[in-house]
């Protein structure tokens, strides 16, 4: 089933079982994001987080391009920056969803488009995809998270080169650096990302969300406190009905029936 959230924002949302597929559909603008689109992305992520039957999401762009970042024409015309009040720039980079989200990248993911990718948990890229932060070439800073998320994902010196030169990185190089999970033939990124999302969605949802939360939050935890701080997350999952169901399904040699509770 496909649901268009708001035709004016050019964001399409399709539900494929437990996976939500979000497509920025502004091909004439290279899928650059204006304020209405940022707000639509944010609301789609609110919907993802709020519905138990949805377990993961894929974010992609239409027309062979992922996203060219901020819509500068819209900014010049309206003076509005694409910053959602709750989820920040582009409707995602300030507060990504609690549930896993995969970027499916065809073509260019540059500027804010790359920062959107860096807000996702996993990345599937077509062979012809490119990733870059060209802001320094325009007299700007990559202020949507690129300056701290990219050095956290790849070696610092390589991140610094990409940031300070503004030169793009091809998909194959990003895979070598561990930034991209899969490189697939052009035109196949969405299908491969959905397949990966379906594997994630087949697992216990509370365990998946708890695992993502620990990975995200533990980066700031002192070494001596790691296990103590992890315990509330682990205990909540351990006490869940899904944990009991997982054990029962294993013993009974059947597929588990998750309830997200």
Protein backbone atom coordinates (compact mmCIF):
# COMPACT_ATOMS: atom_id res chain seq x y z
CA UNK A 1 0.00 0.00 0.00
CA UNK A 2 1.32 3.47 -0.89
CA UNK A 3 0.26 6.56 1.02
CA UNK A 4 1.18 10.08 -0.09
CA UNK A 5 1.62 12.07 3.10
CA UNK A 6 1.18 15.48 1.44
CA UNK A 7 1.38 15.99 -2.29
CA UNK A 8 2.58 19.57 -1.73
CA UNK A 9 5.73 18.37 0.02
CA UNK A 10 6.61 15.66 -2.50
CA UNK A 11 7.27 13.01 0.13
CA UNK A 12 5.88 9.56 -0.64
CA UNK A 13 5.47 6.95 2.08
CA UNK A 14 4.92 3.31 1.18
CA UNK A 15 4.32 0.51 3.67
CA UNK A 16 5.80 -2.85 2.75
CA UNK A 17 4.69 -5.01 5.63
CA UNK A 18 6.59 -3.84 8.69
CA UNK A 19 8.90 -1.57 6.65
CA UNK A 20 8.09 2.05 5.80
CA UNK A 21 9.71 3.37 2.60
CA UNK A 22 10.10 7.17 2.52
CA UNK A 23 10.88 8.68 -0.89
CA UNK A 24 11.78 12.33 -1.36
CA UNK A 25 10.01 12.98 -4.65
CA UNK A 26 11.38 16.31 -5.87
CA UNK A 27 13.42 15.07 -8.82
CA UNK A 28 13.19 18.43 -10.62
CA UNK A 29 15.06 19.96 -7.65
CA UNK A 30 17.46 16.98 -7.30
CA UNK A 31 15.39 16.12 -4.21
CA UNK A 32 16.65 19.19 -2.37
CA UNK A 33 14.68 19.70 0.83
CA UNK A 34 12.54 22.75 1.59
CA UNK A 35 10.75 23.44 4.87
CA UNK A 36 7.47 21.65 4.01
CA UNK A 37 9.41 18.55 2.97
CA UNK A 38 11.50 18.62 6.15
CA UNK A 39 8.31 18.76 8.19
CA UNK A 40 6.80 15.91 6.18
CA UNK A 41 9.88 13.76 6.81
CA UNK A 42 9.65 14.52 10.52
CA UNK A 43 5.96 13.58 10.68
CA UNK A 44 6.64 10.36 8.77
CA UNK A 45 9.32 9.49 11.35
CA UNK A 46 6.87 10.31 14.16
CA UNK A 47 4.47 7.86 12.53
CA UNK A 48 7.22 5.23 12.27
CA UNK A 49 8.10 5.55 15.94
CA UNK A 50 4.47 5.62 17.06
CA UNK A 51 3.16 2.50 15.32
CA UNK A 52 4.00 -0.92 16.77
CA UNK A 53 3.42 -2.67 13.44
CA UNK A 54 6.21 -0.66 11.80
CA UNK A 55 9.65 -2.03 12.67
CA UNK A 56 12.11 -0.26 10.32
CA UNK A 57 12.30 2.32 7.54
CA UNK A 58 14.15 3.01 4.32
CA UNK A 59 14.80 6.57 3.14
CA UNK A 60 15.55 7.24 -0.52
CA UNK A 61 15.18 9.79 -3.30
CA UNK A 62 13.43 9.70 -6.67
CA UNK A 63 14.77 10.12 -10.19
CA UNK A 64 18.21 8.61 -9.64
CA UNK A 65 19.35 11.14 -7.02
CA UNK A 66 19.30 10.74 -3.26
CA UNK A 67 19.30 14.36 -2.10
CA UNK A 68 21.14 17.58 -2.96
CA UNK A 69 20.64 18.99 0.54
CA UNK A 70 18.94 22.29 1.24
CA UNK A 71 16.72 23.79 -1.47
CA UNK A 72 18.57 27.08 -1.91
CA UNK A 73 15.98 28.40 -4.35
CA UNK A 74 13.23 27.91 -1.76
CA UNK A 75 15.44 29.53 0.90
CA UNK A 76 16.00 32.56 -1.34
CA UNK A 77 12.31 32.81 -2.20
CA UNK A 78 10.75 32.27 1.24
CA UNK A 79 13.61 32.82 3.69
CA UNK A 80 12.64 29.54 5.38
CA UNK A 81 15.34 27.05 6.29
CA UNK A 82 14.35 23.34 6.19
CA UNK A 83 14.43 22.91 9.97
CA UNK A 84 11.63 21.01 11.69
CA UNK A 85 10.77 22.25 15.17
CA UNK A 86 11.08 18.77 16.72
CA UNK A 87 13.54 16.79 14.59
CA UNK A 88 15.81 19.57 13.39
CA UNK A 89 17.38 20.14 9.95
CA UNK A 90 15.86 18.17 7.08
CA UNK A 91 13.36 16.65 9.49
CA UNK A 92 15.79 14.01 10.74
CA UNK A 93 19.35 15.05 11.61
CA UNK A 94 18.56 16.61 14.99
CA UNK A 95 16.51 13.68 16.26
CA UNK A 96 16.59 10.52 14.14
CA UNK A 97 13.89 7.89 14.73
CA UNK A 98 14.06 5.38 17.59
CA UNK A 99 13.58 2.58 15.08
CA UNK A 100 16.24 1.56 12.56
CA UNK A 101 16.39 3.52 9.30
CA UNK A 102 18.42 2.66 6.20
CA UNK A 103 19.52 5.12 3.53
CA UNK A 104 19.13 3.77 -0.02
CA UNK A 105 21.38 5.99 -2.12
CA UNK A 106 21.31 6.36 -5.89
CA UNK A 107 23.29 9.20 -7.47
CA UNK A 108 24.41 12.13 -5.35
CA UNK A 109 24.04 12.53 -1.59
CA UNK A 110 25.70 15.89 -1.07
CA UNK A 111 25.60 18.64 1.53
CA UNK A 112 22.54 18.14 3.65
CA UNK A 113 21.78 15.01 1.63
CA UNK A 114 24.97 13.43 2.97
CA UNK A 115 24.09 14.65 6.46
CA UNK A 116 20.73 12.87 6.12
CA UNK A 117 22.64 9.69 5.21
CA UNK A 118 24.85 10.13 8.27
CA UNK A 119 21.68 10.30 10.41
CA UNK A 120 20.67 6.82 9.24
CA UNK A 121 21.79 3.58 10.85
CA UNK A 122 22.77 1.67 7.73
CA UNK A 123 23.59 2.69 4.15
CA UNK A 124 23.01 0.82 0.89
CA UNK A 125 24.54 2.57 -2.12
CA UNK A 126 24.40 2.09 -5.87
CA UNK A 127 27.76 1.75 -7.62
CA UNK A 128 27.41 5.22 -9.11
CA UNK A 129 26.49 6.93 -5.85
CA UNK A 130 28.64 9.75 -4.49
CA UNK A 131 28.79 11.34 -1.05
CA UNK A 132 30.15 14.78 -0.23
CA UNK A 133 30.11 17.88 1.93
CA UNK A 134 30.81 20.74 -0.53
CA UNK A 135 29.83 23.53 1.89
CA UNK A 136 33.33 25.03 2.10
CA UNK A 137 33.15 25.66 -1.65
CA UNK A 138 30.06 27.79 -1.03
CA UNK A 139 31.35 29.75 1.95
CA UNK A 140 29.36 27.63 4.44
CA UNK A 141 29.79 25.03 7.19
CA UNK A 142 28.21 21.58 7.04
CA UNK A 143 26.14 22.46 10.09
CA UNK A 144 23.62 19.60 9.83
CA UNK A 145 25.80 17.13 11.70
CA UNK A 146 28.36 16.39 9.01
CA UNK A 147 31.27 17.95 10.90
CA UNK A 148 30.91 15.58 13.84
CA UNK A 149 29.13 12.55 12.39
CA UNK A 150 31.50 11.94 9.48
CA UNK A 151 34.68 11.84 11.65
CA UNK A 152 32.83 9.45 13.97
CA UNK A 153 32.11 7.07 11.07
CA UNK A 154 35.40 7.05 9.15
CA UNK A 155 39.06 7.80 10.02
CA UNK A 156 39.50 11.42 11.11
CA UNK A 157 42.12 12.38 8.51
CA UNK A 158 40.01 11.10 5.64
CA UNK A 159 36.95 12.85 7.02
CA UNK A 160 38.95 16.06 7.34
CA UNK A 161 40.06 15.79 3.71
CA UNK A 162 36.47 15.36 2.54
CA UNK A 163 35.27 18.25 4.72
CA UNK A 164 38.07 20.72 3.94
CA UNK A 165 38.35 20.03 0.19
CA UNK A 166 34.63 19.57 -0.46
CA UNK A 167 35.46 16.71 -2.82
CA UNK A 168 32.96 13.82 -3.04
CA UNK A 169 33.67 10.22 -2.08
CA UNK A 170 32.49 7.44 -4.42
CA UNK A 171 30.42 4.54 -3.11
CA UNK A 172 33.25 2.01 -3.41
CA UNK A 173 35.56 4.18 -1.30
CA UNK A 174 32.83 4.67 1.31
CA UNK A 175 32.39 0.91 1.49
CA UNK A 176 36.15 0.45 2.02
CA UNK A 177 35.94 2.94 4.89
CA UNK A 178 32.99 1.14 6.48
CA UNK A 179 30.52 3.96 5.88
CA UNK A 180 28.44 1.97 3.39
CA UNK A 181 27.08 -1.48 4.23
CA UNK A 182 26.31 -2.66 0.69
CA UNK A 183 27.24 -1.51 -2.81
CA UNK A 184 24.84 -2.77 -5.46
CA UNK A 185 24.32 -2.17 -9.18
CA UNK A 186 22.77 1.15 -10.15
CA UNK A 187 19.00 1.08 -9.79
CA UNK A 188 19.01 -1.64 -7.12
CA UNK A 189 19.72 0.33 -3.93
CA UNK A 190 16.09 0.55 -2.81
CA UNK A 191 15.39 -3.16 -3.29
CA UNK A 192 18.56 -4.12 -1.42
CA UNK A 193 17.79 -1.69 1.42
CA UNK A 194 14.24 -3.01 1.78
CA UNK A 195 15.56 -6.56 1.91
CA UNK A 196 17.95 -5.57 4.70
CA UNK A 197 15.17 -3.72 6.53
CA UNK A 198 12.94 -6.79 6.34
CA UNK A 199 15.63 -8.88 8.03
CA UNK A 200 15.83 -6.30 10.83
CA UNK A 201 12.03 -6.14 11.06
CA UNK A 202 11.84 -9.91 11.56
CA UNK A 203 13.70 -9.60 14.88
CA UNK A 204 12.23 -8.71 18.26
CA UNK A 205 11.28 -5.01 17.98
CA UNK A 206 12.00 -4.00 21.58
CA UNK A 207 15.39 -5.73 21.44
CA UNK A 208 16.21 -3.98 18.16
CA UNK A 209 15.19 -0.57 19.48
CA UNK A 210 17.00 -1.12 22.78
CA UNK A 211 20.14 -2.18 20.95
CA UNK A 212 20.04 0.93 18.76
CA UNK A 213 19.54 3.11 21.82
CA UNK A 214 22.54 1.63 23.64
CA UNK A 215 24.80 1.97 20.59
CA UNK A 216 23.76 5.60 20.18
CA UNK A 217 23.91 6.70 23.79
CA UNK A 218 26.94 4.74 25.00
CA UNK A 219 29.38 6.88 23.01
CA UNK A 220 29.33 9.41 25.87
CA UNK A 221 29.35 6.94 28.77
CA UNK A 222 32.46 6.68 30.97
CA UNK A 223 34.23 3.34 30.58
CA UNK A 224 33.70 2.40 34.22
CA UNK A 225 29.94 2.95 33.91
CA UNK A 226 29.23 1.14 30.63
CA UNK A 227 27.58 -1.97 32.06
CA UNK A 228 25.67 -0.10 34.77
CA UNK A 229 24.25 2.36 32.25
CA UNK A 230 23.35 -0.42 29.83
CA UNK A 231 21.41 -2.36 32.47
CA UNK A 232 18.13 -0.36 32.37
CA UNK A 233 17.88 -0.96 28.63
CA UNK A 234 18.73 -4.64 28.94
CA UNK A 235 16.42 -5.16 31.92
CA UNK A 236 13.43 -3.60 30.15
CA UNK A 237 13.89 -5.97 27.23
CA UNK A 238 14.63 -8.94 29.48
CA UNK A 239 11.30 -8.42 31.30
CA UNK A 240 9.25 -8.09 28.10
CA UNK A 241 6.70 -10.51 26.72
CA UNK A 242 8.80 -10.70 23.58
CA UNK A 243 11.76 -12.08 25.54
CA UNK A 244 9.54 -14.87 26.86
CA UNK A 245 8.18 -15.45 23.37
CA UNK A 246 11.68 -15.65 21.92
CA UNK A 247 12.66 -18.37 24.38
CA UNK A 248 9.42 -20.27 23.84
CA UNK A 249 9.73 -20.13 20.05
CA UNK A 250 13.30 -21.40 20.25
CA UNK A 251 12.31 -24.35 22.43
CA UNK A 252 9.27 -25.15 20.31
CA UNK A 253 11.26 -24.81 17.05
CA UNK A 254 8.86 -22.29 15.49
CA UNK A 255 8.96 -18.71 14.27
CA UNK A 256 8.42 -16.18 17.07
CA UNK A 257 5.30 -14.01 17.16
CA UNK A 258 6.52 -10.62 18.35
CA UNK A 259 4.14 -8.20 20.07
CA UNK A 260 6.48 -5.26 20.76
CA UNK A 261 5.65 -5.47 24.44
